[in-house]
N, C-alpha and C. Protein backbone atom coordinates (compact mmCIF):
# COMPACT_ATOMS: atom_id res chain seq x y z
N ALA A 1 13.97 -4.47 8.24
CA ALA A 1 13.98 -3.29 7.53
C ALA A 1 15.44 -3.28 6.67
N ARG A 2 16.24 -4.15 7.07
CA ARG A 2 17.75 -4.52 6.26
C ARG A 2 17.60 -4.46 4.86
N SER A 3 16.78 -5.30 4.43
CA SER A 3 16.47 -5.26 3.15
C SER A 3 16.08 -3.69 2.09
N GLY A 4 15.26 -3.10 2.98
CA GLY A 4 14.70 -2.15 2.26
C GLY A 4 13.76 -1.56 3.02
N PHE A 5 12.60 -2.28 3.44
CA PHE A 5 11.50 -1.44 4.29
C PHE A 5 10.68 -2.58 4.59
N GLU A 6 10.71 -2.23 6.24
CA GLU A 6 9.49 -2.83 7.01
C GLU A 6 8.18 -2.15 7.22
N TYR A 7 7.00 -2.63 7.52
CA TYR A 7 6.12 -1.95 7.82
C TYR A 7 4.96 -3.02 8.61
N ARG A 8 4.05 -2.41 9.44
CA ARG A 8 3.09 -3.29 10.29
C ARG A 8 1.73 -2.53 10.10
N ALA A 9 0.93 -3.55 9.67
CA ALA A 9 -0.81 -3.22 9.23
C ALA A 9 -1.16 -3.20 10.82
N PHE A 10 -2.52 -2.39 10.66
CA PHE A 10 -3.21 -2.84 11.73
C PHE A 10 -4.76 -2.90 11.27
N PHE A 11 -5.85 -3.18 11.55
CA PHE A 11 -6.96 -2.87 11.52
C PHE A 11 -8.10 -3.06 12.31
N GLU A 12 -9.66 -2.51 12.29
CA GLU A 12 -10.15 -3.33 13.60
C GLU A 12 -10.99 -4.31 12.71
N VAL A 13 -11.55 -5.47 13.58
CA VAL A 13 -11.98 -6.18 13.06
C VAL A 13 -13.65 -6.01 12.85
N GLY A 14 -14.03 -6.54 10.85
CA GLY A 14 -15.53 -6.40 11.32
C GLY A 14 -15.51 -5.45 9.55
N MET A 15 -16.43 -5.54 8.65
CA MET A 15 -16.21 -4.27 7.77
C MET A 15 -16.97 -3.18 7.76
N ASP A 16 -17.38 -2.72 8.77
CA ASP A 16 -17.72 -1.23 9.02
C ASP A 16 -16.85 -0.36 8.24
N GLN A 17 -15.49 -0.22 9.20
CA GLN A 17 -14.67 0.66 9.11
C GLN A 17 -13.94 0.03 7.52
N LYS A 18 -13.83 0.85 6.69
CA LYS A 18 -13.20 0.59 5.53
C LYS A 18 -11.76 0.70 5.44
N LYS A 19 -11.17 1.13 6.19
CA LYS A 19 -9.47 1.69 6.57
C LYS A 19 -8.65 0.69 7.55
N THR A 20 -7.59 0.81 6.68
CA THR A 20 -6.33 0.24 7.64
C THR A 20 -5.09 0.88 7.86
N PHE A 21 -4.47 0.95 8.66
CA PHE A 21 -3.35 1.74 9.33
C PHE A 21 -2.09 1.33 9.39
N GLY A 22 -0.96 1.90 9.84
CA GLY A 22 0.32 1.50 10.69
C GLY A 22 1.20 2.49 10.45
N ALA A 23 2.39 1.77 10.56
CA ALA A 23 3.70 2.35 10.78
C ALA A 23 4.75 1.86 9.25
N ALA A 24 5.52 2.12 8.94
CA ALA A 24 6.62 1.88 8.14
C ALA A 24 7.67 2.69 8.26
N ARG A 25 8.98 1.76 7.91
CA ARG A 25 10.16 2.46 8.44
C ARG A 25 11.24 1.99 7.10
N PHE A 26 11.95 2.78 6.41
CA PHE A 26 13.03 2.43 5.31
C PHE A 26 13.80 2.23 5.98
N SER A 27 15.07 1.12 5.65
CA SER A 27 16.70 1.50 5.70
C SER A 27 17.56 2.19 4.94
N ASP A 28 18.32 2.31 4.91
CA ASP A 28 19.58 2.94 4.13
C ASP A 28 19.74 2.21 2.52
N SER A 29 19.22 0.89 3.13
CA SER A 29 19.48 -0.01 1.90
C SER A 29 17.89 0.43 0.65
N ALA A 30 17.14 1.16 1.10
CA ALA A 30 16.13 2.10 0.33
C ALA A 30 16.89 3.36 -0.57
N ARG A 31 17.51 3.81 -0.10
CA ARG A 31 18.11 5.11 -0.39
C ARG A 31 17.92 4.95 -1.85
N ALA A 32 18.01 6.67 -2.40
CA ALA A 32 18.34 6.44 -3.97
C ALA A 32 19.17 6.33 -4.34
N ASP A 33 20.57 6.53 -3.72
CA ASP A 33 21.94 5.88 -3.80
C ASP A 33 22.10 5.14 -2.89
N ALA A 34 22.43 4.04 -3.03
CA ALA A 34 22.68 3.06 -2.07
C ALA A 34 24.09 3.29 -1.19
N ASP A 35 25.05 3.68 -1.61
CA ASP A 35 26.30 4.28 -1.46
C ASP A 35 26.06 5.54 -0.09
N GLY A 36 24.94 5.85 0.00
CA GLY A 36 24.65 7.02 0.88
C GLY A 36 24.66 8.29 0.57
N PHE A 37 25.02 8.99 -0.64
CA PHE A 37 25.10 10.20 -0.97
C PHE A 37 23.59 11.15 -0.84
N ASP A 38 22.60 10.64 -1.09
CA ASP A 38 21.41 10.96 -1.28
C ASP A 38 21.03 10.80 0.10
N ASP A 39 20.07 11.29 0.61
CA ASP A 39 19.08 11.37 1.96
C ASP A 39 18.18 10.97 1.88
N TYR A 40 17.43 10.62 0.66
CA TYR A 40 16.20 10.35 0.22
C TYR A 40 15.95 8.90 -0.07
N ILE A 41 14.68 8.32 0.31
CA ILE A 41 14.25 7.08 -0.66
C ILE A 41 13.79 6.93 -1.74
N HIS A 42 14.71 5.92 -2.44
CA HIS A 42 14.40 5.65 -4.13
C HIS A 42 12.44 5.55 -3.80
N GLY A 43 12.25 6.56 -5.20
CA GLY A 43 10.81 6.15 -5.36
C GLY A 43 9.86 4.74 -5.48
N GLY A 44 10.40 4.07 -5.81
CA GLY A 44 10.25 2.56 -6.43
C GLY A 44 9.99 2.02 -4.88
N ALA A 45 10.72 2.22 -3.83
CA ALA A 45 10.58 1.75 -2.62
C ALA A 45 9.27 1.96 -2.19
N ILE A 46 9.08 3.27 -2.37
CA ILE A 46 7.84 3.71 -1.74
C ILE A 46 6.42 3.53 -2.26
N GLN A 47 6.59 3.26 -3.67
CA GLN A 47 5.63 3.10 -4.38
C GLN A 47 5.16 0.90 -4.30
N THR A 48 6.65 0.73 -3.48
CA THR A 48 6.22 -1.17 -3.12
C THR A 48 5.50 -1.00 -2.43
N LEU A 49 5.75 -0.04 -1.02
CA LEU A 49 5.35 -0.16 0.10
C LEU A 49 3.63 0.48 -0.22
N LEU A 50 3.46 1.74 -0.54
CA LEU A 50 1.89 1.88 -0.97
C LEU A 50 1.24 0.64 -1.91
N ASP A 51 2.03 0.17 -2.51
CA ASP A 51 0.92 -1.20 -3.50
C ASP A 51 0.61 -1.93 -2.72
N GLU A 52 1.96 -2.67 -1.91
CA GLU A 52 1.37 -3.58 -0.83
C GLU A 52 0.69 -3.33 0.39
N ALA A 53 0.75 -2.19 0.82
CA ALA A 53 -0.42 -1.75 1.46
C ALA A 53 -2.06 -1.68 1.05
N THR A 54 -1.81 -0.91 -0.33
CA THR A 54 -3.61 -0.86 -0.38
C THR A 54 -3.93 -2.15 -1.02
N ALA A 55 -3.56 -3.17 -1.74
CA ALA A 55 -3.92 -4.82 -1.55
C ALA A 55 -3.93 -5.08 -0.46
N GLU A 56 -3.70 -4.83 0.76
CA GLU A 56 -3.50 -5.50 2.42
C GLU A 56 -4.88 -5.27 2.47
N CYS A 57 -5.07 -3.71 2.40
CA CYS A 57 -6.52 -2.96 2.56
C CYS A 57 -7.71 -3.92 2.04
N ALA A 58 -7.48 -3.99 0.90
CA ALA A 58 -8.52 -4.69 -0.13
C ALA A 58 -8.60 -6.16 0.68
N MET A 59 -7.90 -6.93 0.95
CA MET A 59 -7.41 -8.09 1.51
C MET A 59 -8.48 -8.28 2.35
N VAL A 60 -8.05 -7.32 3.53
CA VAL A 60 -8.66 -7.24 5.22
C VAL A 60 -10.07 -6.73 4.93
N LYS A 61 -10.42 -5.89 4.19
CA LYS A 61 -11.67 -5.62 4.16
C LYS A 61 -12.67 -5.69 3.05
N ALA A 62 -12.10 -6.37 2.03
CA ALA A 62 -12.91 -6.29 1.01
C ALA A 62 -13.26 -7.92 0.24
N CYS A 63 -12.17 -8.35 0.10
CA CYS A 63 -12.07 -9.74 -0.95
C CYS A 63 -10.76 -10.48 -0.40
N VAL A 64 -10.61 -11.59 -0.79
CA VAL A 64 -9.74 -12.48 -0.19
C VAL A 64 -8.22 -12.59 -1.39
N LEU A 65 -8.88 -12.67 -2.61
CA LEU A 65 -7.60 -12.27 -3.68
C LEU A 65 -7.26 -11.10 -4.52
N PRO A 66 -7.00 -9.95 -3.88
CA PRO A 66 -7.05 -9.03 -4.60
C PRO A 66 -5.45 -8.90 -5.27
N THR A 67 -5.63 -8.44 -6.15
CA THR A 67 -4.58 -7.82 -7.37
C THR A 67 -4.69 -6.33 -7.67
N THR A 68 -3.36 -5.51 -8.05
CA THR A 68 -3.40 -4.30 -8.19
C THR A 68 -3.68 -4.38 -9.85
N ALA A 69 -4.54 -3.94 -10.35
CA ALA A 69 -5.15 -4.13 -11.75
C ALA A 69 -4.02 -2.58 -12.05
N GLU A 70 -4.18 -1.42 -11.45
CA GLU A 70 -4.13 0.10 -12.18
C GLU A 70 -3.45 0.66 -10.54
N ALA A 71 -2.76 1.38 -10.79
CA ALA A 71 -2.11 2.16 -9.89
C ALA A 71 -1.30 3.61 -10.01
N SER A 72 -1.68 4.42 -9.38
CA SER A 72 -0.82 5.53 -9.75
C SER A 72 -0.13 6.36 -8.56
N PHE A 73 0.95 6.97 -8.39
CA PHE A 73 1.35 7.28 -7.29
C PHE A 73 1.66 9.03 -7.61
N LYS A 74 2.31 9.22 -6.03
CA LYS A 74 2.57 10.82 -6.23
C LYS A 74 3.35 11.31 -5.01
N ILE A 75 4.97 11.51 -5.22
CA ILE A 75 5.63 12.00 -4.08
C ILE A 75 5.32 13.01 -3.94
N MET A 76 4.91 13.60 -2.67
CA MET A 76 5.19 15.05 -2.83
C MET A 76 6.38 15.76 -1.80
N LYS A 77 6.73 14.70 -0.90
CA LYS A 77 7.78 15.35 -0.19
C LYS A 77 8.73 14.06 0.39
N LYS A 78 9.84 14.41 0.38
CA LYS A 78 11.05 13.80 0.61
C LYS A 78 10.86 12.35 1.75
N VAL A 79 10.68 11.62 1.50
CA VAL A 79 11.11 10.50 2.42
C VAL A 79 12.63 9.81 3.02
N VAL A 80 12.76 9.91 3.93
CA VAL A 80 14.30 10.10 4.52
C VAL A 80 14.35 8.66 4.91
N PRO A 81 15.45 7.65 5.18
CA PRO A 81 15.62 6.58 5.84
C PRO A 81 15.81 6.74 7.11
N ASN A 82 15.65 5.32 7.99
CA ASN A 82 15.53 5.26 9.62
C ASN A 82 14.84 6.14 10.39
N LYS A 83 13.56 6.53 9.70
CA LYS A 83 12.57 7.35 10.06
C LYS A 83 11.10 6.33 9.79
N THR A 84 10.41 6.55 11.35
CA THR A 84 9.15 5.89 11.26
C THR A 84 8.03 6.45 10.54
N TYR A 85 7.32 6.26 9.57
CA TYR A 85 5.95 6.86 8.98
C TYR A 85 4.78 6.07 9.26
N LEU A 86 3.93 6.83 9.41
CA LEU A 86 2.75 6.17 9.44
C LEU A 86 2.14 6.06 8.07
N PHE A 87 0.93 4.95 7.94
CA PHE A 87 0.34 5.12 6.58
C PHE A 87 -1.50 4.82 6.75
N GLU A 88 -2.12 5.12 5.99
CA GLU A 88 -3.71 5.15 6.27
C GLU A 88 -3.64 4.80 4.75
N CYS A 89 -4.55 3.55 4.81
CA CYS A 89 -5.07 3.32 3.39
C CYS A 89 -6.59 2.91 3.39
N GLU A 90 -7.65 3.35 2.37
CA GLU A 90 -8.99 3.41 2.66
C GLU A 90 -9.50 2.57 1.61
N ILE A 91 -10.92 1.72 1.52
CA ILE A 91 -11.35 1.31 0.18
C ILE A 91 -12.16 3.03 0.37
N ALA A 92 -12.22 3.55 -1.00
CA ALA A 92 -12.81 5.17 -1.14
C ALA A 92 -14.00 4.41 -1.65
N GLU A 93 -14.01 3.18 -2.85
CA GLU A 93 -15.12 2.98 -3.89
C GLU A 93 -15.02 1.60 -4.36
N GLU A 94 -16.65 1.15 -4.27
CA GLU A 94 -16.43 -0.95 -4.61
C GLU A 94 -17.30 0.46 -6.14
N VAL A 95 -15.66 -0.55 -6.99
CA VAL A 95 -16.07 0.44 -8.68
C VAL A 95 -17.30 -0.70 -9.05
N VAL A 96 -16.98 -2.34 -9.02
CA VAL A 96 -18.21 -3.08 -9.31
C VAL A 96 -17.73 -3.90 -8.22
N LYS A 97 -19.33 -4.36 -8.12
CA LYS A 97 -19.80 -5.08 -6.88
C LYS A 97 -18.77 -6.23 -6.51
N GLY A 98 -18.02 -6.33 -5.95
CA GLY A 98 -17.74 -7.74 -5.26
C GLY A 98 -16.31 -7.93 -6.10
N VAL A 99 -15.93 -7.22 -7.08
CA VAL A 99 -14.91 -7.30 -8.29
C VAL A 99 -13.74 -6.63 -8.31
N LYS A 100 -13.93 -5.47 -8.14
CA LYS A 100 -13.43 -3.81 -8.33
C LYS A 100 -13.35 -2.86 -7.32
N TYR A 101 -12.13 -2.72 -6.56
CA TYR A 101 -12.02 -1.41 -5.73
C TYR A 101 -11.12 -0.70 -5.79
N LYS A 102 -11.31 0.59 -5.68
CA LYS A 102 -10.66 1.60 -5.56
C LYS A 102 -10.11 2.10 -4.03
N VAL A 103 -9.00 1.72 -4.05
CA VAL A 103 -8.43 2.13 -2.46
C VAL A 103 -7.24 3.22 -2.30
N VAL A 104 -7.15 4.00 -1.58
CA VAL A 104 -6.40 5.47 -1.62
C VAL A 104 -5.29 5.15 -0.23
N GLY A 105 -4.42 4.98 -0.69
CA GLY A 105 -3.14 4.95 0.68
C GLY A 105 -2.48 6.03 0.44
N LYS A 106 -1.34 6.46 1.53
CA LYS A 106 -1.00 7.80 2.02
C LYS A 106 -0.06 7.65 2.86
N LEU A 107 0.91 7.69 2.76
CA LEU A 107 2.52 7.87 3.71
C LEU A 107 2.39 9.00 4.77
N ILE A 108 2.28 9.02 5.66
CA ILE A 108 2.18 10.42 6.40
C ILE A 108 3.42 10.25 7.23
N ASN A 109 4.26 11.56 7.43
CA ASN A 109 5.06 12.07 7.97
C ASN A 109 4.71 12.24 9.91
N PRO A 110 4.77 11.53 10.93
CA PRO A 110 3.84 11.47 12.24
C PRO A 110 4.05 13.31 12.93
N ASP A 111 5.12 13.77 12.53
CA ASP A 111 5.94 14.94 12.99
C ASP A 111 4.88 16.38 12.77
N ASP A 112 4.25 16.13 11.25
CA ASP A 112 3.48 17.35 11.39
C ASP A 112 2.58 16.71 10.75
N ASN A 113 2.28 15.19 10.41
CA ASN A 113 1.05 14.71 10.50
C ASN A 113 0.62 15.21 8.56
N THR A 114 1.63 15.80 8.05
CA THR A 114 1.45 15.81 6.16
C THR A 114 1.95 14.27 5.42
N THR A 115 0.71 14.54 4.45
CA THR A 115 1.34 13.42 3.69
C THR A 115 2.68 13.57 2.76
N ASN A 116 3.36 12.75 2.63
CA ASN A 116 4.46 12.56 1.89
C ASN A 116 4.32 11.65 0.72
N ALA A 117 3.73 10.34 0.63
CA ALA A 117 3.45 10.18 -0.82
C ALA A 117 2.09 9.75 -0.89
N GLN A 118 1.41 9.43 -1.76
CA GLN A 118 -0.11 8.67 -1.99
C GLN A 118 -0.02 7.72 -2.90
N CYS A 119 -1.26 7.03 -3.16
CA CYS A 119 -1.71 6.05 -3.75
C CYS A 119 -2.79 5.70 -4.12
N THR A 120 -3.52 5.84 -5.45
CA THR A 120 -4.45 5.55 -5.63
C THR A 120 -4.97 4.00 -6.84
N ALA A 121 -5.10 3.08 -6.20
CA ALA A 121 -5.36 2.02 -6.73
C ALA A 121 -6.31 1.16 -7.04
N MET A 122 -6.37 0.51 -8.44
CA MET A 122 -7.79 -0.35 -8.83
C MET A 122 -7.52 -1.60 -8.43
N ILE A 123 -7.92 -2.19 -6.95
CA ILE A 123 -7.76 -3.75 -7.21
C ILE A 123 -8.75 -4.58 -7.24
N ALA A 124 -8.73 -5.45 -8.11
CA ALA A 124 -9.19 -6.48 -8.48
C ALA A 124 -9.20 -7.38 -7.62
N ASN A 125 -10.52 -8.24 -7.55
CA ASN A 125 -11.17 -9.20 -6.54
C ASN A 125 -10.68 -10.38 -7.84
N ILE A 126 -9.58 -11.07 -7.80
CA ILE A 126 -9.78 -12.23 -8.60
C ILE A 126 -10.45 -13.54 -8.48
N GLY A 127 -10.57 -13.73 -6.91
CA GLY A 127 -11.35 -14.63 -6.30
C GLY A 127 -13.05 -15.17 -7.13
N ALA A 128 -13.02 -13.49 -7.33
CA ALA A 128 -14.67 -13.64 -7.92
C ALA A 128 -14.68 -13.67 -9.69
N ILE A 129 -13.79 -13.71 -10.21
CA ILE A 129 -13.55 -13.84 -11.60
C ILE A 129 -13.59 -15.66 -12.00
N PRO A 130 -14.39 -16.45 -12.41
CA PRO A 130 -14.53 -17.70 -12.52
C PRO A 130 -12.94 -17.81 -13.51
N GLN A 131 -12.98 -17.32 -14.35
CA GLN A 131 -11.19 -18.06 -15.44
C GLN A 131 -9.88 -18.10 -14.17
N ALA A 132 -10.04 -16.76 -13.12
CA ALA A 132 -9.02 -16.57 -12.53
C ALA A 132 -8.75 -17.52 -11.22
N ARG A 133 -10.09 -18.15 -10.90
CA ARG A 133 -10.08 -19.09 -10.25
C ARG A 133 -10.05 -20.53 -10.62
N LYS A 134 -10.31 -20.71 -11.82
CA LYS A 134 -9.50 -21.85 -12.65
C LYS A 134 -8.33 -21.77 -12.75
N ASP A 135 -7.75 -20.79 -13.20
CA ASP A 135 -6.09 -20.97 -13.39
C ASP A 135 -5.74 -20.81 -12.35
N ARG A 136 -5.80 -20.55 -11.15
CA ARG A 136 -5.30 -20.41 -9.82
C ARG A 136 -5.80 -21.84 -9.22
N TYR A 137 -6.90 -22.48 -9.07
CA TYR A 137 -6.85 -23.46 -8.67
C TYR A 137 -7.63 -24.78 -9.14
N GLY A 138 -7.76 -24.58 -10.15
CA GLY A 138 -8.08 -25.88 -11.61
C GLY A 138 -9.85 -25.89 -10.81
N GLU A 139 -10.12 -24.60 -10.45
CA GLU A 139 -11.61 -25.10 -10.43
C GLU A 139 -12.39 -25.21 -11.79
């Protein structure tokens, strides 16, 4: 976490449950003002965490080669450094069978179970797109 944030993701084996969950912690390096005048985390660090967590959820629960095609973020409450938060991500919808998934991720304050930030991501399975496989693997 010294460089900004650290997170640990967990999941249940199998495809029945479409969720992943875990813990995240931001360091002082992720503050909006790195000199320490502000006691809140920069929005870009929060967005990076949620982007990574939603893509990992898609990779574990739906497809091998996920890429974020589109994402929207909402920060509802201040996120502070040196505090452990929880996150949950869930595949909310399979938009195009085997190719495109809507994944929702939430950053949660464990003290009161409120959502501090949320991401809705459209994740594409580039492994299901022949041209993407050709470009990446030469198939």
